[in-house]
Amino acid sequence: MKLTSNSGNTDGIYIRYSPVQETLNYVSEYPSLTIYANGDLAIEETGDVIGNISTSEPAVEYKKYILEKWRTNK
C-alpha cells in the first residue's frame, strides 16, 4: 500500500493499492509508508514507526508525520 498526496489538493491524502509491484513505480518526493505484518505503520526510508493499523488511521498518521517531522527535516 502506498500513500500519495494529490498536488492539486493539499487537504487530502489518497491511498493507492495494487498487488502488482510494477504498477507502483512512480516518482514522489514523499517518503514511503510500509504496513508490516504486525500492523506497524513505518516510514520505509527511516524506519520510524508512526502508528499501528489496529489503533491508528494510516492516512491520518502519515499526514501528521509529513506535517510535523518530514517537512521540518527536509
PDB file of N, CA and C in Angstrom:
ATOM      1  N   MET A   1       0.851  -1.161   0.000  1.00  0.00           N
ATOM      2  CA  MET A   1       0.000   0.000   0.000  1.00  0.00           C
ATOM      3  C   MET A   1       0.903   1.232   0.000  1.00  0.00           C
ATOM      4  N   LYS A   2       0.646   2.125  -0.862  1.00  0.00           N
ATOM      5  CA  LYS A   2       1.390   3.379  -0.908  1.00  0.00           C
ATOM      6  C   LYS A   2       0.421   4.524  -0.696  1.00  0.00           C
ATOM      7  N   LEU A   3       0.849   5.521   0.017  1.00  0.00           N
ATOM      8  CA  LEU A   3       0.041   6.716   0.213  1.00  0.00           C
ATOM      9  C   LEU A   3       0.659   7.841  -0.596  1.00  0.00           C
ATOM     10  N   THR A   4      -0.138   8.535  -1.325  1.00  0.00           N
ATOM     11  CA  THR A   4       0.365   9.669  -2.091  1.00  0.00           C
ATOM     12  C   THR A   4      -0.552  10.848  -1.877  1.00  0.00           C
ATOM     13  N   SER A   5       0.007  12.036  -2.011  1.00  0.00           N
ATOM     14  CA  SER A   5      -0.856  13.208  -1.914  1.00  0.00           C
ATOM     15  C   SER A   5      -1.052  13.777  -3.302  1.00  0.00           C
ATOM     16  N   ASN A   6      -2.229  14.231  -3.561  1.00  0.00           N
ATOM     17  CA  ASN A   6      -2.564  14.841  -4.838  1.00  0.00           C
ATOM     18  C   ASN A   6      -2.092  16.282  -4.785  1.00  0.00           C
ATOM     19  N   SER A   7      -1.176  16.689  -5.661  1.00  0.00           N
ATOM     20  CA  SER A   7      -0.599  18.028  -5.598  1.00  0.00           C
ATOM     21  C   SER A   7      -1.636  19.120  -5.805  1.00  0.00           C
ATOM     22  N   GLY A   8      -2.762  18.818  -6.405  1.00  0.00           N
ATOM     23  CA  GLY A   8      -3.810  19.806  -6.606  1.00  0.00           C
ATOM     24  C   GLY A   8      -4.717  19.962  -5.405  1.00  0.00           C
ATOM     25  N   ASN A   9      -4.605  19.059  -4.447  1.00  0.00           N
ATOM     26  CA  ASN A   9      -5.471  19.099  -3.272  1.00  0.00           C
ATOM     27  C   ASN A   9      -4.606  18.899  -2.037  1.00  0.00           C
ATOM     28  N   THR A  10      -4.276  19.971  -1.343  1.00  0.00           N
ATOM     29  CA  THR A  10      -3.380  19.865  -0.193  1.00  0.00           C
ATOM     30  C   THR A  10      -4.083  19.366   1.062  1.00  0.00           C
ATOM     31  N   ASP A  11      -5.401  19.231   1.031  1.00  0.00           N
ATOM     32  CA  ASP A  11      -6.135  18.766   2.203  1.00  0.00           C
ATOM     33  C   ASP A  11      -6.324  17.263   2.235  1.00  0.00           C
ATOM     34  N   GLY A  12      -6.047  16.572   1.144  1.00  0.00           N
ATOM     35  CA  GLY A  12      -6.341  15.150   1.092  1.00  0.00           C
ATOM     36  C   GLY A  12      -5.122  14.295   0.858  1.00  0.00           C
ATOM     37  N   ILE A  13      -5.175  13.098   1.385  1.00  0.00           N
ATOM     38  CA  ILE A  13      -4.165  12.082   1.104  1.00  0.00           C
ATOM     39  C   ILE A  13      -4.914  10.886   0.558  1.00  0.00           C
ATOM     40  N   TYR A  14      -4.470  10.391  -0.567  1.00  0.00           N
ATOM     41  CA  TYR A  14      -5.165   9.312  -1.249  1.00  0.00           C
ATOM     42  C   TYR A  14      -4.362   8.027  -1.141  1.00  0.00           C
ATOM     43  N   ILE A  15      -5.050   6.923  -0.956  1.00  0.00           N
ATOM     44  CA  ILE A  15      -4.398   5.621  -0.843  1.00  0.00           C
ATOM     45  C   ILE A  15      -4.526   4.894  -2.169  1.00  0.00           C
ATOM     46  N   ARG A  16      -3.383   4.437  -2.682  1.00  0.00           N
ATOM     47  CA  ARG A  16      -3.374   3.670  -3.922  1.00  0.00           C
ATOM     48  C   ARG A  16      -2.810   2.292  -3.596  1.00  0.00           C
ATOM     49  N   TYR A  17      -3.517   1.242  -3.980  1.00  0.00           N
ATOM     50  CA  TYR A  17      -3.076  -0.117  -3.702  1.00  0.00           C
ATOM     51  C   TYR A  17      -3.096  -0.936  -4.975  1.00  0.00           C
ATOM     52  N   SER A  18      -2.078  -1.757  -5.126  1.00  0.00           N
ATOM     53  CA  SER A  18      -2.059  -2.708  -6.223  1.00  0.00           C
ATOM     54  C   SER A  18      -1.223  -3.904  -5.799  1.00  0.00           C
ATOM     55  N   PRO A  19      -1.684  -5.117  -6.056  1.00  0.00           N
ATOM     56  CA  PRO A  19      -0.877  -6.283  -5.726  1.00  0.00           C
ATOM     57  C   PRO A  19       0.299  -6.477  -6.681  1.00  0.00           C
ATOM     58  N   VAL A  20       0.310  -5.753  -7.783  1.00  0.00           N
ATOM     59  CA  VAL A  20       1.382  -5.883  -8.771  1.00  0.00           C
ATOM     60  C   VAL A  20       2.386  -4.754  -8.552  1.00  0.00           C
ATOM     61  N   GLN A  21       3.612  -5.109  -8.187  1.00  0.00           N
ATOM     62  CA  GLN A  21       4.637  -4.124  -7.849  1.00  0.00           C
ATOM     63  C   GLN A  21       4.904  -3.138  -8.988  1.00  0.00           C
ATOM     64  N   GLU A  22       4.916  -3.610 -10.226  1.00  0.00           N
ATOM     65  CA  GLU A  22       5.261  -2.751 -11.360  1.00  0.00           C
ATOM     66  C   GLU A  22       4.309  -1.566 -11.521  1.00  0.00           C
ATOM     67  N   THR A  23       3.083  -1.692 -11.060  1.00  0.00           N
ATOM     68  CA  THR A  23       2.140  -0.583 -11.219  1.00  0.00           C
ATOM     69  C   THR A  23       2.385   0.526 -10.201  1.00  0.00           C
ATOM     70  N   LEU A  24       3.269   0.283  -9.237  1.00  0.00           N
ATOM     71  CA  LEU A  24       3.531   1.290  -8.209  1.00  0.00           C
ATOM     72  C   LEU A  24       4.795   2.100  -8.477  1.00  0.00           C
ATOM     73  N   ASN A  25       5.412   1.913  -9.620  1.00  0.00           N
ATOM     74  CA  ASN A  25       6.628   2.647  -9.928  1.00  0.00           C
ATOM     75  C   ASN A  25       6.293   4.061 -10.367  1.00  0.00           C
ATOM     76  N   TYR A  26       6.414   4.980  -9.451  1.00  0.00           N
ATOM     77  CA  TYR A  26       6.173   6.384  -9.735  1.00  0.00           C
ATOM     78  C   TYR A  26       7.137   7.189  -8.878  1.00  0.00           C
ATOM     79  N   VAL A  27       7.402   8.398  -9.283  1.00  0.00           N
ATOM     80  CA  VAL A  27       8.343   9.248  -8.570  1.00  0.00           C
ATOM     81  C   VAL A  27       7.561  10.149  -7.622  1.00  0.00           C
ATOM     82  N   SER A  28       7.989  10.182  -6.386  1.00  0.00           N
ATOM     83  CA  SER A  28       7.349  11.024  -5.389  1.00  0.00           C
ATOM     84  C   SER A  28       8.417  11.588  -4.472  1.00  0.00           C
ATOM     85  N   GLU A  29       8.243  12.818  -4.063  1.00  0.00           N
ATOM     86  CA  GLU A  29       9.182  13.411  -3.117  1.00  0.00           C
ATOM     87  C   GLU A  29       8.834  13.024  -1.679  1.00  0.00           C
ATOM     88  N   TYR A  30       7.678  12.389  -1.485  1.00  0.00           N
ATOM     89  CA  TYR A  30       7.248  11.997  -0.151  1.00  0.00           C
ATOM     90  C   TYR A  30       7.804  10.627   0.214  1.00  0.00           C
ATOM     91  N   PRO A  31       8.063  10.386   1.509  1.00  0.00           N
ATOM     92  CA  PRO A  31       8.577   9.078   1.926  1.00  0.00           C
ATOM     93  C   PRO A  31       7.506   7.993   1.811  1.00  0.00           C
ATOM     94  N   SER A  32       7.957   6.772   1.653  1.00  0.00           N
ATOM     95  CA  SER A  32       7.051   5.630   1.506  1.00  0.00           C
ATOM     96  C   SER A  32       6.580   5.135   2.865  1.00  0.00           C
ATOM     97  N   LEU A  33       5.303   4.766   2.940  1.00  0.00           N
ATOM     98  CA  LEU A  33       4.728   4.192   4.153  1.00  0.00           C
ATOM     99  C   LEU A  33       4.596   2.690   3.953  1.00  0.00           C
ATOM    100  N   THR A  34       5.102   1.926   4.912  1.00  0.00           N
ATOM    101  CA  THR A  34       5.016   0.471   4.872  1.00  0.00           C
ATOM    102  C   THR A  34       4.155  -0.004   6.035  1.00  0.00           C
ATOM    103  N   ILE A  35       3.282  -0.955   5.773  1.00  0.00           N
ATOM    104  CA  ILE A  35       2.492  -1.579   6.832  1.00  0.00           C
ATOM    105  C   ILE A  35       3.011  -3.006   6.999  1.00  0.00           C
ATOM    106  N   TYR A  36       3.586  -3.287   8.165  1.00  0.00           N
ATOM    107  CA  TYR A  36       4.172  -4.593   8.434  1.00  0.00           C
ATOM    108  C   TYR A  36       3.116  -5.588   8.907  1.00  0.00           C
ATOM    109  N   ALA A  37       3.471  -6.869   8.883  1.00  0.00           N
ATOM    110  CA  ALA A  37       2.544  -7.935   9.264  1.00  0.00           C
ATOM    111  C   ALA A  37       2.026  -7.775  10.691  1.00  0.00           C
ATOM    112  N   ASN A  38       2.830  -7.178  11.575  1.00  0.00           N
ATOM    113  CA  ASN A  38       2.379  -6.970  12.958  1.00  0.00           C
ATOM    114  C   ASN A  38       1.498  -5.732  13.091  1.00  0.00           C
ATOM    115  N   GLY A  39       1.267  -5.026  11.972  1.00  0.00           N
ATOM    116  CA  GLY A  39       0.389  -3.867  11.968  1.00  0.00           C
ATOM    117  C   GLY A  39       1.083  -2.531  12.101  1.00  0.00           C
ATOM    118  N   ASP A  40       2.398  -2.539  12.331  1.00  0.00           N
ATOM    119  CA  ASP A  40       3.121  -1.278  12.463  1.00  0.00           C
ATOM    120  C   ASP A  40       3.093  -0.487  11.165  1.00  0.00           C
ATOM    121  N   LEU A  41       2.874   0.816  11.295  1.00  0.00           N
ATOM    122  CA  LEU A  41       2.959   1.748  10.171  1.00  0.00           C
ATOM    123  C   LEU A  41       4.334   2.392  10.267  1.00  0.00           C
ATOM    124  N   ALA A  42       5.173   2.194   9.276  1.00  0.00           N
ATOM    125  CA  ALA A  42       6.539   2.694   9.347  1.00  0.00           C
ATOM    126  C   ALA A  42       6.919   3.438   8.077  1.00  0.00           C
ATOM    127  N   ILE A  43       7.771   4.430   8.247  1.00  0.00           N
ATOM    128  CA  ILE A  43       8.324   5.156   7.114  1.00  0.00           C
ATOM    129  C   ILE A  43       9.479   4.318   6.578  1.00  0.00           C
ATOM    130  N   GLU A  44       9.382   3.914   5.339  1.00  0.00           N
ATOM    131  CA  GLU A  44      10.334   2.967   4.751  1.00  0.00           C
ATOM    132  C   GLU A  44      11.771   3.478   4.779  1.00  0.00           C
ATOM    133  N   GLU A  45      11.979   4.739   4.443  1.00  0.00           N
ATOM    134  CA  GLU A  45      13.332   5.281   4.329  1.00  0.00           C
ATOM    135  C   GLU A  45      14.051   5.406   5.672  1.00  0.00           C
ATOM    136  N   THR A  46      13.316   5.697   6.746  1.00  0.00           N
ATOM    137  CA  THR A  46      13.941   5.940   8.048  1.00  0.00           C
ATOM    138  C   THR A  46      13.679   4.845   9.065  1.00  0.00           C
ATOM    139  N   GLY A  47      12.648   4.046   8.850  1.00  0.00           N
ATOM    140  CA  GLY A  47      12.271   3.028   9.815  1.00  0.00           C
ATOM    141  C   GLY A  47      11.446   3.565  10.972  1.00  0.00           C
ATOM    142  N   ASP A  48      11.104   4.861  10.948  1.00  0.00           N
ATOM    143  CA  ASP A  48      10.273   5.454  12.001  1.00  0.00           C
ATOM    144  C   ASP A  48       8.907   4.778  12.029  1.00  0.00           C
ATOM    145  N   VAL A  49       8.504   4.273  13.191  1.00  0.00           N
ATOM    146  CA  VAL A  49       7.169   3.698  13.363  1.00  0.00           C
ATOM    147  C   VAL A  49       6.247   4.834  13.791  1.00  0.00           C
ATOM    148  N   ILE A  50       5.202   5.073  13.006  1.00  0.00           N
ATOM    149  CA  ILE A  50       4.321   6.215  13.270  1.00  0.00           C
ATOM    150  C   ILE A  50       2.950   5.801  13.792  1.00  0.00           C
ATOM    151  N   GLY A  51       2.723   4.518  13.975  1.00  0.00           N
ATOM    152  CA  GLY A  51       1.439   4.050  14.485  1.00  0.00           C
ATOM    153  C   GLY A  51       1.276   2.569  14.248  1.00  0.00           C
ATOM    154  N   ASN A  52       0.068   2.097  14.486  1.00  0.00           N
ATOM    155  CA  ASN A  52      -0.262   0.700  14.267  1.00  0.00           C
ATOM    156  C   ASN A  52      -1.644   0.638  13.634  1.00  0.00           C
ATOM    157  N   ILE A  53      -1.804  -0.224  12.652  1.00  0.00           N
ATOM    158  CA  ILE A  53      -3.045  -0.317  11.883  1.00  0.00           C
ATOM    159  C   ILE A  53      -4.249  -0.630  12.781  1.00  0.00           C
ATOM    160  N   SER A  54      -4.025  -1.300  13.909  1.00  0.00           N
ATOM    161  CA  SER A  54      -5.142  -1.655  14.785  1.00  0.00           C
ATOM    162  C   SER A  54      -5.618  -0.488  15.644  1.00  0.00           C
ATOM    163  N   THR A  55      -4.779   0.525  15.825  1.00  0.00           N
ATOM    164  CA  THR A  55      -5.154   1.660  16.677  1.00  0.00           C
ATOM    165  C   THR A  55      -5.072   2.999  15.968  1.00  0.00           C
ATOM    166  N   SER A  56      -4.570   3.021  14.743  1.00  0.00           N
ATOM    167  CA  SER A  56      -4.351   4.278  14.035  1.00  0.00           C
ATOM    168  C   SER A  56      -4.933   4.231  12.631  1.00  0.00           C
ATOM    169  N   GLU A  57      -5.324   5.371  12.133  1.00  0.00           N
ATOM    170  CA  GLU A  57      -5.761   5.514  10.742  1.00  0.00           C
ATOM    171  C   GLU A  57      -4.518   5.850   9.914  1.00  0.00           C
ATOM    172  N   PRO A  58      -4.110   4.979   8.965  1.00  0.00           N
ATOM    173  CA  PRO A  58      -2.868   5.207   8.225  1.00  0.00           C
ATOM    174  C   PRO A  58      -2.757   6.587   7.576  1.00  0.00           C
ATOM    175  N   ALA A  59      -3.801   7.041   6.916  1.00  0.00           N
ATOM    176  CA  ALA A  59      -3.731   8.336   6.228  1.00  0.00           C
ATOM    177  C   ALA A  59      -3.553   9.484   7.215  1.00  0.00           C
ATOM    178  N   VAL A  60      -4.200   9.396   8.372  1.00  0.00           N
ATOM    179  CA  VAL A  60      -4.081  10.452   9.385  1.00  0.00           C
ATOM    180  C   VAL A  60      -2.672  10.474   9.966  1.00  0.00           C
ATOM    181  N   GLU A  61      -2.138   9.309  10.311  1.00  0.00           N
ATOM    182  CA  GLU A  61      -0.791   9.233  10.883  1.00  0.00           C
ATOM    183  C   GLU A  61       0.263   9.679   9.875  1.00  0.00           C
ATOM    184  N   TYR A  62       0.092   9.298   8.613  1.00  0.00           N
ATOM    185  CA  TYR A  62       1.040   9.699   7.570  1.00  0.00           C
ATOM    186  C   TYR A  62       1.013  11.210   7.383  1.00  0.00           C
ATOM    187  N   LYS A  63      -0.168  11.791   7.359  1.00  0.00           N
ATOM    188  CA  LYS A  63      -0.285  13.244   7.193  1.00  0.00           C
ATOM    189  C   LYS A  63       0.371  13.964   8.372  1.00  0.00           C
ATOM    190  N   LYS A  64       0.151  13.461   9.599  1.00  0.00           N
ATOM    191  CA  LYS A  64       0.791  14.065  10.771  1.00  0.00           C
ATOM    192  C   LYS A  64       2.313  13.990  10.646  1.00  0.00           C
ATOM    193  N   TYR A  65       2.825  12.845  10.201  1.00  0.00           N
ATOM    194  CA  TYR A  65       4.270  12.684  10.029  1.00  0.00           C
ATOM    195  C   TYR A  65       4.803  13.689   9.013  1.00  0.00           C
ATOM    196  N   ILE A  66       4.119  13.810   7.888  1.00  0.00           N
ATOM    197  CA  ILE A  66       4.556  14.746   6.846  1.00  0.00           C
ATOM    198  C   ILE A  66       4.565  16.175   7.383  1.00  0.00           C
ATOM    199  N   LEU A  67       3.497  16.585   8.039  1.00  0.00           N
ATOM    200  CA  LEU A  67       3.382  17.964   8.516  1.00  0.00           C
ATOM    201  C   LEU A  67       4.316  18.272   9.682  1.00  0.00           C
ATOM    202  N   GLU A  68       4.514  17.334  10.592  1.00  0.00           N
ATOM    203  CA  GLU A  68       5.278  17.605  11.802  1.00  0.00           C
ATOM    204  C   GLU A  68       6.764  17.296  11.692  1.00  0.00           C
ATOM    205  N   LYS A  69       7.116  16.229  11.041  1.00  0.00           N
ATOM    206  CA  LYS A  69       8.510  15.798  11.083  1.00  0.00           C
ATOM    207  C   LYS A  69       9.228  15.893   9.745  1.00  0.00           C
ATOM    208  N   TRP A  70       8.655  15.300   8.721  1.00  0.00           N
ATOM    209  CA  TRP A  70       9.375  15.182   7.456  1.00  0.00           C
ATOM    210  C   TRP A  70       9.668  16.539   6.829  1.00  0.00           C
ATOM    211  N   ARG A  71       8.693  17.425   6.798  1.00  0.00           N
ATOM    212  CA  ARG A  71       8.914  18.738   6.187  1.00  0.00           C
ATOM    213  C   ARG A  71       9.926  19.562   6.958  1.00  0.00           C
ATOM    214  N   THR A  72       9.990  19.416   8.282  1.00  0.00           N
ATOM    215  CA  THR A  72      10.953  20.183   9.072  1.00  0.00           C
ATOM    216  C   THR A  72      12.364  19.628   8.930  1.00  0.00           C
ATOM    217  N   ASN A  73      12.491  18.345   8.640  1.00  0.00           N
ATOM    218  CA  ASN A  73      13.810  17.722   8.481  1.00  0.00           C
ATOM    219  C   ASN A  73      14.323  17.759   7.057  1.00  0.00           C
ATOM    220  N   LYS A  74      13.503  18.151   6.142  1.00  0.00           N
ATOM    221  CA  LYS A  74      13.859  18.110   4.724  1.00  0.00           C
ATOM    222  C   LYS A  74      14.907  19.144   4.384  1.00  0.00           C
TER     223      LYS A  74
END
